[in-house]
């Protein structure tokens, strides 16, 4: 009784229908378009995996030969830019392969499951693309470090894509927020 008394005014305040505007009608989902998108995602993820795999073995700066301290090891192994390259290359590789695995190993039984299972690989691919750009920037920086002007120019130009990606992500998030909470 006490709980009922305390909750009698719930829903009668500033937001009687709640602060979220829930969409009551289901959005029509085009099954063919969804399958096409998954197919495109798989191709993109495979390309990212291929590029990052190759970059992992054709390392910037090359390897020490017989005359090096440890033959067969990367020449730039102590360079911070090189280390950032390796980490970002591995992130791109792992996430792109994970996206492919999700598409192939988790067949969806319903259209709703298919749509849900498309979101995670999509996000993995987006992060893979960013990581691949970071790998390119840091690998190029590691090799061009002796030429300060060229290495900085490469970093600035390469970073423009990252800024572009974050700006677009912000705009998408803002649009989603406005759809959920109104244009206030």
N, C-alpha and C. Protein backbone atom coordinates (compact mmCIF):
# COMPACT_ATOMS: atom_id res chain seq x y z
N UNK A 1 0.82 -1.20 0.00
CA UNK A 1 0.00 0.00 0.00
C UNK A 1 0.86 1.26 0.00
N UNK A 2 1.94 1.20 0.78
CA UNK A 2 2.83 2.36 0.84
C UNK A 2 3.47 2.62 -0.52
N UNK A 3 3.87 1.55 -1.19
CA UNK A 3 4.47 1.67 -2.52
C UNK A 3 3.46 2.24 -3.51
N UNK A 4 2.22 1.77 -3.44
CA UNK A 4 1.19 2.29 -4.33
C UNK A 4 0.95 3.77 -4.09
N UNK A 5 0.94 4.16 -2.83
CA UNK A 5 0.74 5.57 -2.49
C UNK A 5 1.88 6.43 -3.02
N UNK A 6 3.13 5.94 -2.87
CA UNK A 6 4.29 6.70 -3.33
C UNK A 6 4.35 6.80 -4.85
N UNK A 7 3.82 5.81 -5.53
CA UNK A 7 3.95 5.77 -6.99
C UNK A 7 2.72 6.27 -7.73
N UNK A 8 1.73 6.83 -7.03
CA UNK A 8 0.51 7.26 -7.71
C UNK A 8 0.73 8.42 -8.68
N UNK A 9 1.75 9.24 -8.47
CA UNK A 9 2.01 10.38 -9.35
C UNK A 9 3.08 10.09 -10.41
N UNK A 10 3.56 8.87 -10.45
CA UNK A 10 4.56 8.51 -11.44
C UNK A 10 3.93 8.60 -12.83
N UNK A 11 4.60 9.28 -13.73
CA UNK A 11 4.09 9.42 -15.09
C UNK A 11 3.21 10.63 -15.29
N UNK A 12 3.08 11.47 -14.27
CA UNK A 12 2.24 12.67 -14.40
C UNK A 12 3.07 13.95 -14.40
N UNK A 13 4.37 13.81 -14.47
CA UNK A 13 5.25 14.98 -14.39
C UNK A 13 5.54 15.57 -15.76
N UNK A 14 6.75 16.09 -15.89
CA UNK A 14 7.17 16.78 -17.11
C UNK A 14 7.18 15.84 -18.32
N UNK A 15 7.49 14.57 -18.09
CA UNK A 15 7.57 13.58 -19.18
C UNK A 15 6.59 12.44 -18.89
N UNK A 16 5.29 12.65 -19.08
CA UNK A 16 4.33 11.60 -18.74
C UNK A 16 4.48 10.34 -19.59
N UNK A 17 5.02 10.48 -20.77
CA UNK A 17 5.21 9.31 -21.63
C UNK A 17 6.64 8.80 -21.60
N UNK A 18 7.44 9.29 -20.67
CA UNK A 18 8.84 8.88 -20.58
C UNK A 18 9.72 9.82 -21.38
N UNK A 19 11.03 9.77 -21.11
CA UNK A 19 11.93 10.67 -21.82
C UNK A 19 12.36 10.13 -23.17
N UNK A 20 12.22 8.85 -23.38
CA UNK A 20 12.56 8.26 -24.67
C UNK A 20 11.32 8.20 -25.55
N UNK A 21 11.49 8.52 -26.78
CA UNK A 21 10.40 8.38 -27.74
C UNK A 21 10.61 7.06 -28.46
N UNK A 22 9.85 6.10 -28.07
CA UNK A 22 10.01 4.76 -28.62
C UNK A 22 9.22 4.67 -29.92
N UNK A 23 9.85 4.12 -30.91
CA UNK A 23 9.20 3.96 -32.20
C UNK A 23 8.24 2.78 -32.09
N UNK A 24 6.96 3.04 -32.33
CA UNK A 24 5.97 1.98 -32.16
C UNK A 24 5.81 1.15 -33.43
N UNK A 25 6.02 1.75 -34.58
CA UNK A 25 5.92 1.00 -35.83
C UNK A 25 7.26 0.38 -36.15
N UNK A 26 7.21 -0.86 -36.60
CA UNK A 26 8.46 -1.52 -36.97
C UNK A 26 8.91 -1.03 -38.33
N UNK A 27 10.21 -0.75 -38.41
CA UNK A 27 10.79 -0.34 -39.69
C UNK A 27 10.80 -1.54 -40.62
N UNK A 28 10.37 -1.35 -41.85
CA UNK A 28 10.46 -2.47 -42.78
C UNK A 28 11.93 -2.76 -43.09
N UNK A 29 12.27 -4.03 -43.09
CA UNK A 29 13.65 -4.43 -43.36
C UNK A 29 13.69 -5.15 -44.69
N UNK A 30 14.50 -4.66 -45.57
CA UNK A 30 14.67 -5.27 -46.87
C UNK A 30 15.68 -6.41 -46.74
N UNK A 31 15.18 -7.63 -46.80
CA UNK A 31 16.04 -8.80 -46.59
C UNK A 31 17.15 -8.89 -47.63
N UNK A 32 16.82 -8.58 -48.87
CA UNK A 32 17.84 -8.63 -49.93
C UNK A 32 18.93 -7.60 -49.69
N UNK A 33 18.54 -6.38 -49.31
CA UNK A 33 19.52 -5.32 -49.05
C UNK A 33 20.41 -5.70 -47.88
N UNK A 34 19.83 -6.35 -46.87
CA UNK A 34 20.60 -6.78 -45.70
C UNK A 34 21.62 -7.84 -46.10
N UNK A 35 21.21 -8.79 -46.93
CA UNK A 35 22.15 -9.83 -47.38
C UNK A 35 23.25 -9.23 -48.27
N UNK A 36 22.87 -8.25 -49.08
CA UNK A 36 23.86 -7.57 -49.92
C UNK A 36 24.89 -6.84 -49.06
N UNK A 37 24.39 -6.19 -48.00
CA UNK A 37 25.27 -5.47 -47.09
C UNK A 37 26.22 -6.44 -46.39
N UNK A 38 25.71 -7.58 -45.96
CA UNK A 38 26.57 -8.58 -45.31
C UNK A 38 27.63 -9.08 -46.28
N UNK A 39 27.24 -9.27 -47.51
CA UNK A 39 28.20 -9.72 -48.52
C UNK A 39 29.29 -8.68 -48.73
N UNK A 40 28.90 -7.42 -48.82
CA UNK A 40 29.87 -6.33 -48.97
C UNK A 40 30.78 -6.26 -47.75
N UNK A 41 30.21 -6.37 -46.56
CA UNK A 41 31.02 -6.36 -45.33
C UNK A 41 32.04 -7.48 -45.33
N UNK A 42 31.64 -8.65 -45.78
CA UNK A 42 32.55 -9.79 -45.81
C UNK A 42 33.71 -9.53 -46.77
N UNK A 43 33.42 -8.95 -47.92
CA UNK A 43 34.48 -8.63 -48.88
C UNK A 43 35.43 -7.59 -48.30
N UNK A 44 34.88 -6.54 -47.70
CA UNK A 44 35.72 -5.49 -47.10
C UNK A 44 36.58 -6.07 -45.98
N UNK A 45 35.96 -6.89 -45.11
CA UNK A 45 36.72 -7.50 -44.01
C UNK A 45 37.82 -8.40 -44.55
N UNK A 46 37.54 -9.14 -45.62
CA UNK A 46 38.56 -10.01 -46.21
C UNK A 46 39.70 -9.19 -46.81
N UNK A 47 39.38 -8.07 -47.43
CA UNK A 47 40.43 -7.20 -47.97
C UNK A 47 41.29 -6.61 -46.85
N UNK A 48 40.65 -6.18 -45.78
CA UNK A 48 41.41 -5.65 -44.64
C UNK A 48 42.31 -6.73 -44.07
N UNK A 49 41.77 -7.94 -43.91
CA UNK A 49 42.57 -9.05 -43.37
C UNK A 49 43.76 -9.34 -44.29
N UNK A 50 43.53 -9.32 -45.59
CA UNK A 50 44.61 -9.59 -46.55
C UNK A 50 45.71 -8.54 -46.47
N UNK A 51 45.30 -7.28 -46.45
CA UNK A 51 46.27 -6.18 -46.41
C UNK A 51 47.06 -6.20 -45.10
N UNK A 52 46.36 -6.37 -43.98
CA UNK A 52 47.05 -6.35 -42.69
C UNK A 52 47.92 -7.58 -42.50
N UNK A 53 47.50 -8.71 -43.05
CA UNK A 53 48.33 -9.92 -42.99
C UNK A 53 49.63 -9.69 -43.74
N UNK A 54 49.51 -9.16 -44.95
CA UNK A 54 50.71 -8.90 -45.76
C UNK A 54 51.61 -7.86 -45.08
N UNK A 55 51.00 -6.83 -44.51
CA UNK A 55 51.79 -5.78 -43.84
C UNK A 55 52.51 -6.33 -42.61
N UNK A 56 51.93 -7.36 -42.00
CA UNK A 56 52.57 -7.96 -40.83
C UNK A 56 53.85 -8.71 -41.15
N UNK A 57 54.02 -9.09 -42.41
CA UNK A 57 55.23 -9.81 -42.79
C UNK A 57 56.19 -8.97 -43.62
N UNK A 58 55.67 -7.97 -44.29
CA UNK A 58 56.54 -7.04 -45.03
C UNK A 58 56.66 -5.78 -44.21
N UNK A 59 57.28 -5.90 -43.07
CA UNK A 59 57.35 -4.83 -42.09
C UNK A 59 58.10 -3.61 -42.61
N UNK A 60 57.66 -2.42 -42.19
CA UNK A 60 58.39 -1.21 -42.58
C UNK A 60 59.82 -1.25 -42.04
N UNK A 61 60.75 -0.88 -42.87
CA UNK A 61 62.15 -0.88 -42.45
C UNK A 61 62.88 -2.18 -42.74
N UNK A 62 62.14 -3.25 -42.95
CA UNK A 62 62.75 -4.54 -43.27
C UNK A 62 63.30 -5.28 -42.06
N UNK A 63 64.10 -6.30 -42.35
CA UNK A 63 64.66 -7.19 -41.32
C UNK A 63 66.18 -7.10 -41.33
N UNK A 64 66.77 -7.44 -40.18
CA UNK A 64 68.22 -7.53 -40.10
C UNK A 64 68.69 -8.76 -40.86
N UNK A 65 69.74 -8.59 -41.60
CA UNK A 65 70.37 -9.72 -42.29
C UNK A 65 71.39 -10.38 -41.37
N UNK A 66 72.33 -11.08 -41.96
CA UNK A 66 73.36 -11.78 -41.17
C UNK A 66 74.21 -10.82 -40.36
N UNK A 67 74.35 -9.57 -40.83
CA UNK A 67 75.21 -8.61 -40.14
C UNK A 67 74.51 -7.94 -38.95
N UNK A 68 73.21 -8.13 -38.77
CA UNK A 68 72.46 -7.47 -37.70
C UNK A 68 72.68 -8.13 -36.35
N UNK A 69 72.20 -7.46 -35.30
CA UNK A 69 72.36 -8.00 -33.95
C UNK A 69 71.66 -9.35 -33.78
N UNK A 70 70.43 -9.45 -34.27
CA UNK A 70 69.71 -10.74 -34.27
C UNK A 70 69.13 -10.91 -35.67
N UNK A 71 69.80 -11.71 -36.50
CA UNK A 71 69.34 -11.88 -37.89
C UNK A 71 67.86 -12.30 -37.95
N UNK A 72 67.14 -11.68 -38.88
CA UNK A 72 65.73 -12.02 -39.07
C UNK A 72 64.76 -11.19 -38.25
N UNK A 73 65.27 -10.34 -37.36
CA UNK A 73 64.37 -9.49 -36.57
C UNK A 73 64.18 -8.15 -37.27
N UNK A 74 63.06 -7.48 -36.98
CA UNK A 74 62.82 -6.18 -37.62
C UNK A 74 63.87 -5.15 -37.23
N UNK A 75 64.31 -4.38 -38.21
CA UNK A 75 65.32 -3.35 -37.98
C UNK A 75 64.79 -2.26 -37.05
N UNK A 76 63.53 -1.89 -37.20
CA UNK A 76 62.95 -0.78 -36.43
C UNK A 76 62.26 -1.22 -35.14
N UNK A 77 62.59 -2.39 -34.64
CA UNK A 77 61.86 -2.96 -33.51
C UNK A 77 61.84 -2.07 -32.27
N UNK A 78 62.83 -1.23 -32.09
CA UNK A 78 62.86 -0.35 -30.90
C UNK A 78 62.21 1.01 -31.16
N UNK A 79 61.76 1.25 -32.37
CA UNK A 79 61.14 2.51 -32.75
C UNK A 79 59.68 2.53 -32.27
N UNK A 80 59.27 3.61 -31.58
CA UNK A 80 57.91 3.71 -31.05
C UNK A 80 56.86 3.70 -32.17
N UNK A 81 57.16 4.37 -33.27
CA UNK A 81 56.24 4.36 -34.41
C UNK A 81 56.05 2.97 -34.97
N UNK A 82 57.13 2.20 -35.03
CA UNK A 82 57.05 0.83 -35.52
C UNK A 82 56.19 -0.02 -34.59
N UNK A 83 56.37 0.15 -33.29
CA UNK A 83 55.58 -0.62 -32.33
C UNK A 83 54.09 -0.28 -32.44
N UNK A 84 53.79 1.01 -32.62
CA UNK A 84 52.40 1.43 -32.82
C UNK A 84 51.85 0.81 -34.10
N UNK A 85 52.68 0.73 -35.14
CA UNK A 85 52.29 0.09 -36.39
C UNK A 85 51.90 -1.36 -36.14
N UNK A 86 52.74 -2.09 -35.43
CA UNK A 86 52.48 -3.52 -35.18
C UNK A 86 51.17 -3.70 -34.42
N UNK A 87 50.97 -2.92 -33.37
CA UNK A 87 49.76 -3.05 -32.55
C UNK A 87 48.52 -2.72 -33.38
N UNK A 88 48.52 -1.62 -34.11
CA UNK A 88 47.35 -1.25 -34.89
C UNK A 88 47.11 -2.23 -36.04
N UNK A 89 48.16 -2.77 -36.61
CA UNK A 89 48.02 -3.78 -37.66
C UNK A 89 47.36 -5.04 -37.11
N UNK A 90 47.77 -5.45 -35.93
CA UNK A 90 47.18 -6.64 -35.30
C UNK A 90 45.71 -6.39 -34.96
N UNK A 91 45.40 -5.20 -34.44
CA UNK A 91 44.00 -4.88 -34.12
C UNK A 91 43.14 -4.96 -35.38
N UNK A 92 43.61 -4.36 -36.47
CA UNK A 92 42.86 -4.40 -37.73
C UNK A 92 42.68 -5.83 -38.22
N UNK A 93 43.73 -6.62 -38.14
CA UNK A 93 43.67 -8.01 -38.59
C UNK A 93 42.68 -8.82 -37.76
N UNK A 94 42.80 -8.73 -36.45
CA UNK A 94 41.95 -9.53 -35.56
C UNK A 94 40.47 -9.15 -35.71
N UNK A 95 40.18 -7.86 -35.75
CA UNK A 95 38.78 -7.44 -35.85
C UNK A 95 38.17 -7.78 -37.21
N UNK A 96 38.94 -7.67 -38.27
CA UNK A 96 38.39 -8.01 -39.59
C UNK A 96 38.14 -9.51 -39.70
N UNK A 97 39.04 -10.31 -39.18
CA UNK A 97 38.84 -11.76 -39.20
C UNK A 97 37.67 -12.13 -38.28
N UNK A 98 37.54 -11.44 -37.15
CA UNK A 98 36.40 -11.68 -36.25
C UNK A 98 35.08 -11.38 -36.95
N UNK A 99 35.04 -10.31 -37.72
CA UNK A 99 33.83 -9.97 -38.46
C UNK A 99 33.47 -11.08 -39.45
N UNK A 100 34.47 -11.59 -40.14
CA UNK A 100 34.23 -12.69 -41.08
C UNK A 100 33.72 -13.92 -40.34
N UNK A 101 34.33 -14.24 -39.21
CA UNK A 101 33.89 -15.40 -38.43
C UNK A 101 32.45 -15.24 -37.97
N UNK A 102 32.09 -14.05 -37.53
CA UNK A 102 30.71 -13.84 -37.07
C UNK A 102 29.73 -14.10 -38.21
N UNK A 103 30.05 -13.61 -39.39
CA UNK A 103 29.15 -13.84 -40.53
C UNK A 103 29.06 -15.31 -40.91
N UNK A 104 30.17 -16.02 -40.87
CA UNK A 104 30.17 -17.40 -41.33
C UNK A 104 29.79 -18.42 -40.27
N UNK A 105 30.10 -18.14 -39.03
CA UNK A 105 29.89 -19.15 -37.99
C UNK A 105 28.60 -18.97 -37.21
N UNK A 106 27.89 -17.91 -37.42
CA UNK A 106 26.64 -17.70 -36.70
C UNK A 106 25.51 -17.43 -37.68
N UNK A 107 25.05 -18.48 -38.35
CA UNK A 107 23.96 -18.27 -39.29
C UNK A 107 22.68 -17.87 -38.54
N UNK A 108 22.03 -16.83 -39.01
CA UNK A 108 20.81 -16.36 -38.36
C UNK A 108 19.61 -17.13 -38.89
N UNK A 109 18.67 -17.36 -38.00
CA UNK A 109 17.47 -18.09 -38.37
C UNK A 109 16.33 -17.15 -38.76
N UNK A 110 16.35 -15.95 -38.20
CA UNK A 110 15.29 -14.99 -38.51
C UNK A 110 15.91 -13.70 -39.04
N UNK A 111 15.06 -12.88 -39.64
CA UNK A 111 15.51 -11.60 -40.17
C UNK A 111 16.00 -10.69 -39.05
N UNK A 112 15.32 -10.74 -37.92
CA UNK A 112 15.74 -9.93 -36.76
C UNK A 112 17.14 -10.34 -36.29
N UNK A 113 17.39 -11.65 -36.22
CA UNK A 113 18.72 -12.12 -35.83
C UNK A 113 19.76 -11.70 -36.85
N UNK A 114 19.40 -11.77 -38.12
CA UNK A 114 20.33 -11.37 -39.18
C UNK A 114 20.71 -9.90 -39.03
N UNK A 115 19.72 -9.05 -38.75
CA UNK A 115 19.99 -7.63 -38.58
C UNK A 115 20.88 -7.40 -37.36
N UNK A 116 20.57 -8.08 -36.27
CA UNK A 116 21.37 -7.95 -35.04
C UNK A 116 22.80 -8.40 -35.28
N UNK A 117 22.97 -9.54 -35.96
CA UNK A 117 24.31 -10.08 -36.20
C UNK A 117 25.10 -9.28 -37.22
N UNK A 118 24.44 -8.38 -37.92
CA UNK A 118 25.16 -7.52 -38.86
C UNK A 118 25.79 -6.33 -38.17
N UNK A 119 25.24 -5.92 -37.04
CA UNK A 119 25.74 -4.73 -36.35
C UNK A 119 27.14 -4.91 -35.79
N UNK A 120 27.40 -6.03 -35.13
CA UNK A 120 28.71 -6.23 -34.51
C UNK A 120 29.83 -6.31 -35.54
N UNK A 121 29.69 -7.12 -36.59
CA UNK A 121 30.75 -7.13 -37.61
C UNK A 121 30.94 -5.77 -38.27
N UNK A 122 29.85 -5.04 -38.46
CA UNK A 122 29.95 -3.70 -39.04
C UNK A 122 30.85 -2.82 -38.17
N UNK A 123 30.62 -2.85 -36.86
CA UNK A 123 31.45 -2.06 -35.94
C UNK A 123 32.90 -2.54 -35.96
N UNK A 124 33.10 -3.85 -36.00
CA UNK A 124 34.46 -4.40 -36.08
C UNK A 124 35.16 -3.90 -37.34
N UNK A 125 34.45 -3.88 -38.45
CA UNK A 125 35.05 -3.44 -39.71
C UNK A 125 35.39 -1.96 -39.64
N UNK A 126 34.53 -1.16 -39.04
CA UNK A 126 34.82 0.27 -38.91
C UNK A 126 36.08 0.50 -38.08
N UNK A 127 36.20 -0.21 -36.97
CA UNK A 127 37.40 -0.07 -36.13
C UNK A 127 38.62 -0.62 -36.88
N UNK A 128 38.44 -1.70 -37.64
CA UNK A 128 39.53 -2.25 -38.44
C UNK A 128 40.05 -1.23 -39.45
N UNK A 129 39.12 -0.54 -40.10
CA UNK A 129 39.53 0.49 -41.05
C UNK A 129 40.35 1.58 -40.37
N UNK A 130 39.88 2.03 -39.21
CA UNK A 130 40.64 3.04 -38.48
C UNK A 130 42.01 2.51 -38.06
N UNK A 131 42.04 1.27 -37.57
CA UNK A 131 43.32 0.68 -37.15
C UNK A 131 44.25 0.52 -38.33
N UNK A 132 43.71 0.18 -39.50
CA UNK A 132 44.54 0.03 -40.69
C UNK A 132 45.14 1.38 -41.09
N UNK A 133 44.36 2.44 -40.98
CA UNK A 133 44.89 3.78 -41.29
C UNK A 133 45.97 4.16 -40.28
N UNK A 134 45.72 3.85 -39.00
CA UNK A 134 46.73 4.13 -37.97
C UNK A 134 48.00 3.33 -38.25
N UNK A 135 47.84 2.07 -38.66
CA UNK A 135 49.01 1.25 -38.99
C UNK A 135 49.79 1.88 -40.15
N UNK A 136 49.07 2.36 -41.14
CA UNK A 136 49.75 3.00 -42.27
C UNK A 136 50.50 4.25 -41.82
N UNK A 137 49.82 5.08 -41.02
CA UNK A 137 50.45 6.33 -40.56
C UNK A 137 51.69 6.03 -39.73
N UNK A 138 51.56 5.12 -38.76
CA UNK A 138 52.69 4.84 -37.87
C UNK A 138 53.81 4.11 -38.58
N UNK A 139 53.46 3.21 -39.50
CA UNK A 139 54.50 2.52 -40.28
C UNK A 139 55.27 3.48 -41.16
N UNK A 140 54.54 4.38 -41.80
CA UNK A 140 55.18 5.39 -42.64
C UNK A 140 56.04 6.32 -41.79
N UNK A 141 55.52 6.70 -40.63
CA UNK A 141 56.28 7.56 -39.73
C UNK A 141 57.57 6.88 -39.28
N UNK A 142 57.49 5.59 -38.96
CA UNK A 142 58.68 4.87 -38.49
C UNK A 142 59.76 4.86 -39.56
N UNK A 143 59.36 4.68 -40.81
CA UNK A 143 60.33 4.62 -41.90
C UNK A 143 60.86 6.01 -42.25
N UNK A 144 59.99 7.01 -42.18
CA UNK A 144 60.38 8.36 -42.59
C UNK A 144 60.87 9.24 -41.44
N UNK A 145 61.03 8.68 -40.26
CA UNK A 145 61.45 9.46 -39.09
C UNK A 145 62.71 10.29 -39.32
N UNK A 146 63.70 9.80 -40.07
CA UNK A 146 64.88 10.64 -40.31
C UNK A 146 64.56 11.95 -41.04
N UNK A 147 63.48 11.98 -41.80
CA UNK A 147 63.06 13.21 -42.48
C UNK A 147 61.87 13.79 -41.73
N UNK A 148 62.15 14.68 -40.78
CA UNK A 148 61.11 15.21 -39.90
C UNK A 148 59.94 15.82 -40.67
N UNK A 149 60.22 16.64 -41.66
CA UNK A 149 59.15 17.30 -42.41
C UNK A 149 58.25 16.32 -43.11
N UNK A 150 58.83 15.34 -43.77
CA UNK A 150 58.05 14.35 -44.50
C UNK A 150 57.25 13.46 -43.56
N UNK A 151 57.85 13.06 -42.45
CA UNK A 151 57.13 12.19 -41.52
C UNK A 151 55.97 12.93 -40.86
N UNK A 152 56.16 14.20 -40.51
CA UNK A 152 55.07 14.98 -39.91
C UNK A 152 53.97 15.21 -40.94
N UNK A 153 54.33 15.53 -42.17
CA UNK A 153 53.33 15.74 -43.22
C UNK A 153 52.50 14.48 -43.44
N UNK A 154 53.15 13.33 -43.44
CA UNK A 154 52.44 12.06 -43.59
C UNK A 154 51.47 11.84 -42.44
N UNK A 155 51.91 12.13 -41.23
CA UNK A 155 51.04 11.96 -40.06
C UNK A 155 49.83 12.90 -40.12
N UNK A 156 50.06 14.14 -40.50
CA UNK A 156 48.97 15.11 -40.56
C UNK A 156 47.97 14.71 -41.64
N UNK A 157 48.46 14.38 -42.82
CA UNK A 157 47.56 13.99 -43.91
C UNK A 157 46.81 12.70 -43.58
N UNK A 158 47.51 11.73 -43.03
CA UNK A 158 46.86 10.48 -42.65
C UNK A 158 45.84 10.66 -41.55
N UNK A 159 46.14 11.54 -40.62
CA UNK A 159 45.22 11.79 -39.51
C UNK A 159 43.95 12.49 -39.95
N UNK A 160 43.98 13.13 -41.10
CA UNK A 160 42.77 13.80 -41.59
C UNK A 160 41.64 12.79 -41.78
N UNK A 161 41.95 11.57 -42.18
CA UNK A 161 40.92 10.54 -42.31
C UNK A 161 40.33 10.21 -40.95
N UNK A 162 41.18 10.10 -39.95
CA UNK A 162 40.71 9.77 -38.61
C UNK A 162 39.79 10.87 -38.09
N UNK A 163 40.17 12.12 -38.31
CA UNK A 163 39.30 13.24 -37.91
C UNK A 163 37.98 13.20 -38.67
N UNK A 164 38.04 12.90 -39.96
CA UNK A 164 36.84 12.76 -40.77
C UNK A 164 35.93 11.66 -40.22
N UNK A 165 36.52 10.52 -39.87
CA UNK A 165 35.74 9.40 -39.34
C UNK A 165 35.09 9.76 -38.01
N UNK A 166 35.84 10.40 -37.12
CA UNK A 166 35.27 10.78 -35.83
C UNK A 166 34.19 11.85 -35.99
N UNK A 167 34.38 12.78 -36.91
CA UNK A 167 33.37 13.82 -37.15
C UNK A 167 32.08 13.18 -37.65
N UNK A 168 32.20 12.23 -38.57
CA UNK A 168 31.01 11.55 -39.08
C UNK A 168 30.34 10.72 -38.00
N UNK A 169 31.13 10.06 -37.17
CA UNK A 169 30.57 9.27 -36.07
C UNK A 169 29.82 10.19 -35.11
N UNK A 170 30.40 11.35 -34.82
CA UNK A 170 29.74 12.32 -33.94
C UNK A 170 28.42 12.77 -34.54
N UNK A 171 28.41 13.06 -35.83
CA UNK A 171 27.18 13.52 -36.50
C UNK A 171 26.11 12.43 -36.46
N UNK A 172 26.52 11.18 -36.68
CA UNK A 172 25.56 10.08 -36.62
C UNK A 172 25.01 9.92 -35.21
N UNK A 173 25.89 10.01 -34.21
CA UNK A 173 25.45 9.88 -32.82
C UNK A 173 24.51 11.02 -32.44
N UNK A 174 24.82 12.23 -32.91
CA UNK A 174 23.96 13.37 -32.61
C UNK A 174 22.58 13.19 -33.25
N UNK A 175 22.55 12.69 -34.48
CA UNK A 175 21.28 12.43 -35.15
C UNK A 175 20.47 11.37 -34.42
N UNK A 176 21.14 10.32 -33.95
CA UNK A 176 20.47 9.27 -33.18
C UNK A 176 19.92 9.84 -31.89
N UNK A 177 20.71 10.65 -31.21
CA UNK A 177 20.28 11.28 -29.96
C UNK A 177 19.04 12.14 -30.19
N UNK A 178 19.05 12.93 -31.27
CA UNK A 178 17.91 13.80 -31.56
C UNK A 178 16.67 13.00 -31.90
N UNK A 179 16.84 11.87 -32.57
CA UNK A 179 15.68 11.02 -32.86
C UNK A 179 15.11 10.41 -31.59
N UNK A 180 16.00 10.06 -30.65
CA UNK A 180 15.54 9.43 -29.42
C UNK A 180 14.92 10.43 -28.45
N UNK A 181 15.54 11.59 -28.31
CA UNK A 181 15.13 12.54 -27.28
C UNK A 181 14.45 13.79 -27.83
N UNK A 182 14.26 13.87 -29.11
CA UNK A 182 13.64 15.05 -29.70
C UNK A 182 14.67 16.08 -30.07
N UNK A 183 14.24 17.16 -30.64
CA UNK A 183 15.15 18.21 -31.11
C UNK A 183 15.41 19.29 -30.07
N UNK A 184 15.25 18.99 -28.82
CA UNK A 184 15.46 19.99 -27.75
C UNK A 184 16.89 20.38 -27.63
